Amino acid sequence: MKPEIKIYGAERCHKTRYYKNYFTTIGLAYYFLDVEQNELYAEDLRKLYKTRQLNFPNITIGEKRLRNP
């Protein structure tokens, strides 16, 4: 079973668009969570870090986190 991939980001962010395009190109399924359009997604991202900042893009793969890769 493949781990779930989530991209926390914003549509206006060039890095977010890059990773969305990359995962699509190589055929990996992912969930895009726009933290500027949905406050629940923003809150989920804040919970990942003690600073509670909205640093994006942020990619989670299962339990692993990649901040601003």
PDB file of N, CA and C in Angstrom:
ATOM      1  N   MET A   1       0.834  -1.187   0.000  1.00  0.00           N
ATOM      2  CA  MET A   1       0.000   0.000   0.000  1.00  0.00           C
ATOM      3  C   MET A   1       0.881   1.254   0.000  1.00  0.00           C
ATOM      4  N   LYS A   2       0.605   2.161  -0.907  1.00  0.00           N
ATOM      5  CA  LYS A   2       1.387   3.395  -1.011  1.00  0.00           C
ATOM      6  C   LYS A   2       0.953   4.396   0.063  1.00  0.00           C
ATOM      7  N   PRO A   3       1.915   5.131   0.625  1.00  0.00           N
ATOM      8  CA  PRO A   3       1.536   6.163   1.594  1.00  0.00           C
ATOM      9  C   PRO A   3       0.804   7.307   0.895  1.00  0.00           C
ATOM     10  N   GLU A   4      -0.062   7.969   1.632  1.00  0.00           N
ATOM     11  CA  GLU A   4      -0.822   9.105   1.109  1.00  0.00           C
ATOM     12  C   GLU A   4       0.088  10.330   0.984  1.00  0.00           C
ATOM     13  N   ILE A   5      -0.021  11.006  -0.149  1.00  0.00           N
ATOM     14  CA  ILE A   5       0.778  12.209  -0.401  1.00  0.00           C
ATOM     15  C   ILE A   5      -0.154  13.422  -0.363  1.00  0.00           C
ATOM     16  N   LYS A   6       0.235  14.424   0.411  1.00  0.00           N
ATOM     17  CA  LYS A   6      -0.520  15.675   0.483  1.00  0.00           C
ATOM     18  C   LYS A   6       0.425  16.831   0.195  1.00  0.00           C
ATOM     19  N   ILE A   7      -0.040  17.758  -0.616  1.00  0.00           N
ATOM     20  CA  ILE A   7       0.703  18.984  -0.870  1.00  0.00           C
ATOM     21  C   ILE A   7      -0.084  20.132  -0.258  1.00  0.00           C
ATOM     22  N   TYR A   8       0.463  20.719   0.800  1.00  0.00           N
ATOM     23  CA  TYR A   8      -0.115  21.929   1.384  1.00  0.00           C
ATOM     24  C   TYR A   8       0.539  23.103   0.683  1.00  0.00           C
ATOM     25  N   GLY A   9      -0.255  23.970   0.097  1.00  0.00           N
ATOM     26  CA  GLY A   9       0.322  25.092  -0.616  1.00  0.00           C
ATOM     27  C   GLY A   9      -0.740  26.069  -1.057  1.00  0.00           C
ATOM     28  N   ALA A  10      -0.391  26.869  -2.047  1.00  0.00           N
ATOM     29  CA  ALA A  10      -1.308  27.858  -2.608  1.00  0.00           C
ATOM     30  C   ALA A  10      -1.154  27.853  -4.116  1.00  0.00           C
ATOM     31  N   GLU A  11      -2.237  28.018  -4.807  1.00  0.00           N
ATOM     32  CA  GLU A  11      -2.215  27.987  -6.263  1.00  0.00           C
ATOM     33  C   GLU A  11      -1.297  29.056  -6.841  1.00  0.00           C
ATOM     34  N   ARG A  12      -1.144  30.180  -6.160  1.00  0.00           N
ATOM     35  CA  ARG A  12      -0.294  31.275  -6.662  1.00  0.00           C
ATOM     36  C   ARG A  12       1.196  30.997  -6.498  1.00  0.00           C
ATOM     37  N   CYS A  13       1.535  29.992  -5.711  1.00  0.00           N
ATOM     38  CA  CYS A  13       2.934  29.686  -5.375  1.00  0.00           C
ATOM     39  C   CYS A  13       3.585  28.855  -6.490  1.00  0.00           C
ATOM     40  N   HIS A  14       4.678  29.372  -7.056  1.00  0.00           N
ATOM     41  CA  HIS A  14       5.323  28.661  -8.156  1.00  0.00           C
ATOM     42  C   HIS A  14       5.892  27.317  -7.728  1.00  0.00           C
ATOM     43  N   LYS A  15       6.388  27.196  -6.505  1.00  0.00           N
ATOM     44  CA  LYS A  15       6.902  25.907  -6.037  1.00  0.00           C
ATOM     45  C   LYS A  15       5.773  24.889  -5.861  1.00  0.00           C
ATOM     46  N   THR A  16       4.647  25.347  -5.358  1.00  0.00           N
ATOM     47  CA  THR A  16       3.488  24.460  -5.225  1.00  0.00           C
ATOM     48  C   THR A  16       3.079  23.942  -6.594  1.00  0.00           C
ATOM     49  N   ARG A  17       2.991  24.822  -7.579  1.00  0.00           N
ATOM     50  CA  ARG A  17       2.618  24.406  -8.938  1.00  0.00           C
ATOM     51  C   ARG A  17       3.646  23.433  -9.514  1.00  0.00           C
ATOM     52  N   TYR A  18       4.915  23.675  -9.225  1.00  0.00           N
ATOM     53  CA  TYR A  18       5.970  22.790  -9.697  1.00  0.00           C
ATOM     54  C   TYR A  18       5.754  21.367  -9.180  1.00  0.00           C
ATOM     55  N   TYR A  19       5.539  21.221  -7.876  1.00  0.00           N
ATOM     56  CA  TYR A  19       5.378  19.884  -7.297  1.00  0.00           C
ATOM     57  C   TYR A  19       4.092  19.219  -7.748  1.00  0.00           C
ATOM     58  N   LYS A  20       3.025  19.965  -7.895  1.00  0.00           N
ATOM     59  CA  LYS A  20       1.786  19.394  -8.427  1.00  0.00           C
ATOM     60  C   LYS A  20       2.035  18.842  -9.830  1.00  0.00           C
ATOM     61  N   ASN A  21       2.682  19.615 -10.664  1.00  0.00           N
ATOM     62  CA  ASN A  21       2.983  19.193 -12.032  1.00  0.00           C
ATOM     63  C   ASN A  21       3.914  17.979 -12.040  1.00  0.00           C
ATOM     64  N   TYR A  22       4.925  18.008 -11.187  1.00  0.00           N
ATOM     65  CA  TYR A  22       5.873  16.900 -11.127  1.00  0.00           C
ATOM     66  C   TYR A  22       5.176  15.590 -10.751  1.00  0.00           C
ATOM     67  N   PHE A  23       4.388  15.604  -9.679  1.00  0.00           N
ATOM     68  CA  PHE A  23       3.692  14.390  -9.251  1.00  0.00           C
ATOM     69  C   PHE A  23       2.722  13.904 -10.314  1.00  0.00           C
ATOM     70  N   THR A  24       2.049  14.825 -10.981  1.00  0.00           N
ATOM     71  CA  THR A  24       1.133  14.448 -12.059  1.00  0.00           C
ATOM     72  C   THR A  24       1.903  13.807 -13.210  1.00  0.00           C
ATOM     73  N   THR A  25       3.020  14.405 -13.581  1.00  0.00           N
ATOM     74  CA  THR A  25       3.834  13.908 -14.695  1.00  0.00           C
ATOM     75  C   THR A  25       4.350  12.494 -14.453  1.00  0.00           C
ATOM     76  N   ILE A  26       4.777  12.207 -13.221  1.00  0.00           N
ATOM     77  CA  ILE A  26       5.311  10.871 -12.942  1.00  0.00           C
ATOM     78  C   ILE A  26       4.226   9.892 -12.503  1.00  0.00           C
ATOM     79  N   GLY A  27       2.986  10.362 -12.452  1.00  0.00           N
ATOM     80  CA  GLY A  27       1.861   9.475 -12.183  1.00  0.00           C
ATOM     81  C   GLY A  27       1.603   9.152 -10.723  1.00  0.00           C
ATOM     82  N   LEU A  28       2.034  10.019  -9.817  1.00  0.00           N
ATOM     83  CA  LEU A  28       1.756   9.801  -8.398  1.00  0.00           C
ATOM     84  C   LEU A  28       0.463  10.513  -8.002  1.00  0.00           C
ATOM     85  N   ALA A  29      -0.397   9.797  -7.328  1.00  0.00           N
ATOM     86  CA  ALA A  29      -1.634  10.393  -6.824  1.00  0.00           C
ATOM     87  C   ALA A  29      -1.308  11.230  -5.587  1.00  0.00           C
ATOM     88  N   TYR A  30      -1.938  12.395  -5.476  1.00  0.00           N
ATOM     89  CA  TYR A  30      -1.715  13.281  -4.336  1.00  0.00           C
ATOM     90  C   TYR A  30      -2.981  14.085  -4.083  1.00  0.00           C
ATOM     91  N   TYR A  31      -3.039  14.663  -2.902  1.00  0.00           N
ATOM     92  CA  TYR A  31      -4.107  15.590  -2.546  1.00  0.00           C
ATOM     93  C   TYR A  31      -3.494  16.979  -2.470  1.00  0.00           C
ATOM     94  N   PHE A  32      -4.118  17.942  -3.131  1.00  0.00           N
ATOM     95  CA  PHE A  32      -3.661  19.326  -3.046  1.00  0.00           C
ATOM     96  C   PHE A  32      -4.562  20.059  -2.057  1.00  0.00           C
ATOM     97  N   LEU A  33      -3.953  20.648  -1.041  1.00  0.00           N
ATOM     98  CA  LEU A  33      -4.680  21.348   0.015  1.00  0.00           C
ATOM     99  C   LEU A  33      -4.277  22.819  -0.021  1.00  0.00           C
ATOM    100  N   ASP A  34      -5.131  23.644  -0.596  1.00  0.00           N
ATOM    101  CA  ASP A  34      -4.845  25.072  -0.750  1.00  0.00           C
ATOM    102  C   ASP A  34      -5.111  25.784   0.572  1.00  0.00           C
ATOM    103  N   VAL A  35      -4.027  26.170   1.240  1.00  0.00           N
ATOM    104  CA  VAL A  35      -4.132  26.763   2.578  1.00  0.00           C
ATOM    105  C   VAL A  35      -4.619  28.204   2.553  1.00  0.00           C
ATOM    106  N   GLU A  36      -4.632  28.822   1.385  1.00  0.00           N
ATOM    107  CA  GLU A  36      -5.163  30.187   1.288  1.00  0.00           C
ATOM    108  C   GLU A  36      -6.658  30.184   0.995  1.00  0.00           C
ATOM    109  N   GLN A  37      -7.151  29.098   0.429  1.00  0.00           N
ATOM    110  CA  GLN A  37      -8.569  29.023   0.081  1.00  0.00           C
ATOM    111  C   GLN A  37      -9.407  28.286   1.126  1.00  0.00           C
ATOM    112  N   ASN A  38      -8.757  27.527   2.005  1.00  0.00           N
ATOM    113  CA  ASN A  38      -9.487  26.716   2.968  1.00  0.00           C
ATOM    114  C   ASN A  38      -8.807  26.807   4.332  1.00  0.00           C
ATOM    115  N   GLU A  39      -9.475  27.409   5.280  1.00  0.00           N
ATOM    116  CA  GLU A  39      -8.906  27.611   6.614  1.00  0.00           C
ATOM    117  C   GLU A  39      -8.660  26.291   7.343  1.00  0.00           C
ATOM    118  N   LEU A  40      -9.453  25.257   7.060  1.00  0.00           N
ATOM    119  CA  LEU A  40      -9.226  23.956   7.694  1.00  0.00           C
ATOM    120  C   LEU A  40      -7.888  23.357   7.247  1.00  0.00           C
ATOM    121  N   TYR A  41      -7.560  23.508   5.974  1.00  0.00           N
ATOM    122  CA  TYR A  41      -6.262  23.041   5.484  1.00  0.00           C
ATOM    123  C   TYR A  41      -5.135  23.856   6.110  1.00  0.00           C
ATOM    124  N   ALA A  42      -5.344  25.156   6.245  1.00  0.00           N
ATOM    125  CA  ALA A  42      -4.339  26.015   6.875  1.00  0.00           C
ATOM    126  C   ALA A  42      -4.103  25.581   8.321  1.00  0.00           C
ATOM    127  N   GLU A  43      -5.175  25.275   9.030  1.00  0.00           N
ATOM    128  CA  GLU A  43      -5.042  24.847  10.423  1.00  0.00           C
ATOM    129  C   GLU A  43      -4.330  23.499  10.508  1.00  0.00           C
ATOM    130  N   ASP A  44      -4.628  22.588   9.582  1.00  0.00           N
ATOM    131  CA  ASP A  44      -3.921  21.303   9.559  1.00  0.00           C
ATOM    132  C   ASP A  44      -2.425  21.512   9.371  1.00  0.00           C
ATOM    133  N   LEU A  45      -2.052  22.426   8.495  1.00  0.00           N
ATOM    134  CA  LEU A  45      -0.634  22.718   8.270  1.00  0.00           C
ATOM    135  C   LEU A  45      -0.010  23.347   9.518  1.00  0.00           C
ATOM    136  N   ARG A  46      -0.701  24.270  10.147  1.00  0.00           N
ATOM    137  CA  ARG A  46      -0.171  24.896  11.370  1.00  0.00           C
ATOM    138  C   ARG A  46       0.102  23.859  12.458  1.00  0.00           C
ATOM    139  N   LYS A  47      -0.730  22.840  12.549  1.00  0.00           N
ATOM    140  CA  LYS A  47      -0.578  21.806  13.583  1.00  0.00           C
ATOM    141  C   LYS A  47       0.680  20.968  13.388  1.00  0.00           C
ATOM    142  N   LEU A  48       1.246  20.974  12.194  1.00  0.00           N
ATOM    143  CA  LEU A  48       2.434  20.169  11.940  1.00  0.00           C
ATOM    144  C   LEU A  48       3.696  20.736  12.590  1.00  0.00           C
ATOM    145  N   TYR A  49       3.687  22.015  12.942  1.00  0.00           N
ATOM    146  CA  TYR A  49       4.896  22.666  13.448  1.00  0.00           C
ATOM    147  C   TYR A  49       4.608  23.494  14.699  1.00  0.00           C
ATOM    148  N   LYS A  50       5.576  23.499  15.600  1.00  0.00           N
ATOM    149  CA  LYS A  50       5.437  24.249  16.852  1.00  0.00           C
ATOM    150  C   LYS A  50       5.248  25.740  16.606  1.00  0.00           C
ATOM    151  N   THR A  51       5.858  26.275  15.554  1.00  0.00           N
ATOM    152  CA  THR A  51       5.752  27.709  15.270  1.00  0.00           C
ATOM    153  C   THR A  51       4.371  28.094  14.744  1.00  0.00           C
ATOM    154  N   ARG A  52       3.613  27.091  14.238  1.00  0.00           N
ATOM    155  CA  ARG A  52       2.255  27.287  13.698  1.00  0.00           C
ATOM    156  C   ARG A  52       2.234  28.254  12.508  1.00  0.00           C
ATOM    157  N   GLN A  53       3.360  28.360  11.813  1.00  0.00           N
ATOM    158  CA  GLN A  53       3.415  29.227  10.629  1.00  0.00           C
ATOM    159  C   GLN A  53       2.925  28.478   9.393  1.00  0.00           C
ATOM    160  N   LEU A  54       2.456  29.246   8.429  1.00  0.00           N
ATOM    161  CA  LEU A  54       2.007  28.666   7.165  1.00  0.00           C
ATOM    162  C   LEU A  54       3.164  28.664   6.168  1.00  0.00           C
ATOM    163  N   ASN A  55       4.126  27.819   6.405  1.00  0.00           N
ATOM    164  CA  ASN A  55       5.243  27.682   5.475  1.00  0.00           C
ATOM    165  C   ASN A  55       4.849  26.684   4.396  1.00  0.00           C
ATOM    166  N   PHE A  56       4.836  27.138   3.160  1.00  0.00           N
ATOM    167  CA  PHE A  56       4.480  26.225   2.080  1.00  0.00           C
ATOM    168  C   PHE A  56       5.339  26.511   0.874  1.00  0.00           C
ATOM    169  N   PRO A  57       5.463  25.552  -0.034  1.00  0.00           N
ATOM    170  CA  PRO A  57       4.749  24.289  -0.001  1.00  0.00           C
ATOM    171  C   PRO A  57       5.304  23.360   1.071  1.00  0.00           C
ATOM    172  N   ASN A  58       4.445  22.491   1.521  1.00  0.00           N
ATOM    173  CA  ASN A  58       4.794  21.486   2.491  1.00  0.00           C
ATOM    174  C   ASN A  58       4.197  20.187   1.982  1.00  0.00           C
ATOM    175  N   ILE A  59       5.006  19.165   1.889  1.00  0.00           N
ATOM    176  CA  ILE A  59       4.551  17.883   1.364  1.00  0.00           C
ATOM    177  C   ILE A  59       4.636  16.848   2.477  1.00  0.00           C
ATOM    178  N   THR A  60       3.551  16.113   2.671  1.00  0.00           N
ATOM    179  CA  THR A  60       3.587  14.989   3.589  1.00  0.00           C
ATOM    180  C   THR A  60       3.434  13.720   2.771  1.00  0.00           C
ATOM    181  N   ILE A  61       4.249  12.754   3.108  1.00  0.00           N
ATOM    182  CA  ILE A  61       4.184  11.430   2.492  1.00  0.00           C
ATOM    183  C   ILE A  61       4.066  10.451   3.645  1.00  0.00           C
ATOM    184  N   GLY A  62       2.856   9.996   3.870  1.00  0.00           N
ATOM    185  CA  GLY A  62       2.611   9.195   5.066  1.00  0.00           C
ATOM    186  C   GLY A  62       2.888  10.042   6.295  1.00  0.00           C
ATOM    187  N   GLU A  63       3.804   9.602   7.127  1.00  0.00           N
ATOM    188  CA  GLU A  63       4.165  10.331   8.351  1.00  0.00           C
ATOM    189  C   GLU A  63       5.342  11.285   8.149  1.00  0.00           C
ATOM    190  N   LYS A  64       5.972  11.257   6.985  1.00  0.00           N
ATOM    191  CA  LYS A  64       7.137  12.108   6.731  1.00  0.00           C
ATOM    192  C   LYS A  64       6.699  13.470   6.217  1.00  0.00           C
ATOM    193  N   ARG A  65       7.463  14.498   6.576  1.00  0.00           N
ATOM    194  CA  ARG A  65       7.169  15.873   6.157  1.00  0.00           C
ATOM    195  C   ARG A  65       8.363  16.475   5.440  1.00  0.00           C
ATOM    196  N   LEU A  66       8.062  17.190   4.363  1.00  0.00           N
ATOM    197  CA  LEU A  66       9.088  17.931   3.637  1.00  0.00           C
ATOM    198  C   LEU A  66       8.625  19.387   3.596  1.00  0.00           C
ATOM    199  N   ARG A  67       9.316  20.253   4.302  1.00  0.00           N
ATOM    200  CA  ARG A  67       8.911  21.652   4.358  1.00  0.00           C
ATOM    201  C   ARG A  67       9.677  22.455   3.320  1.00  0.00           C
ATOM    202  N   ASN A  68       8.948  23.147   2.481  1.00  0.00           N
ATOM    203  CA  ASN A  68       9.519  24.011   1.463  1.00  0.00           C
ATOM    204  C   ASN A  68      10.659  23.315   0.716  1.00  0.00           C
ATOM    205  N   PRO A  69      10.334  22.140   0.139  1.00  0.00           N
ATOM    206  CA  PRO A  69      11.398  21.367  -0.527  1.00  0.00           C
ATOM    207  C   PRO A  69      12.002  22.090  -1.713  1.00  0.00           C
TER     208      PRO A  69
END
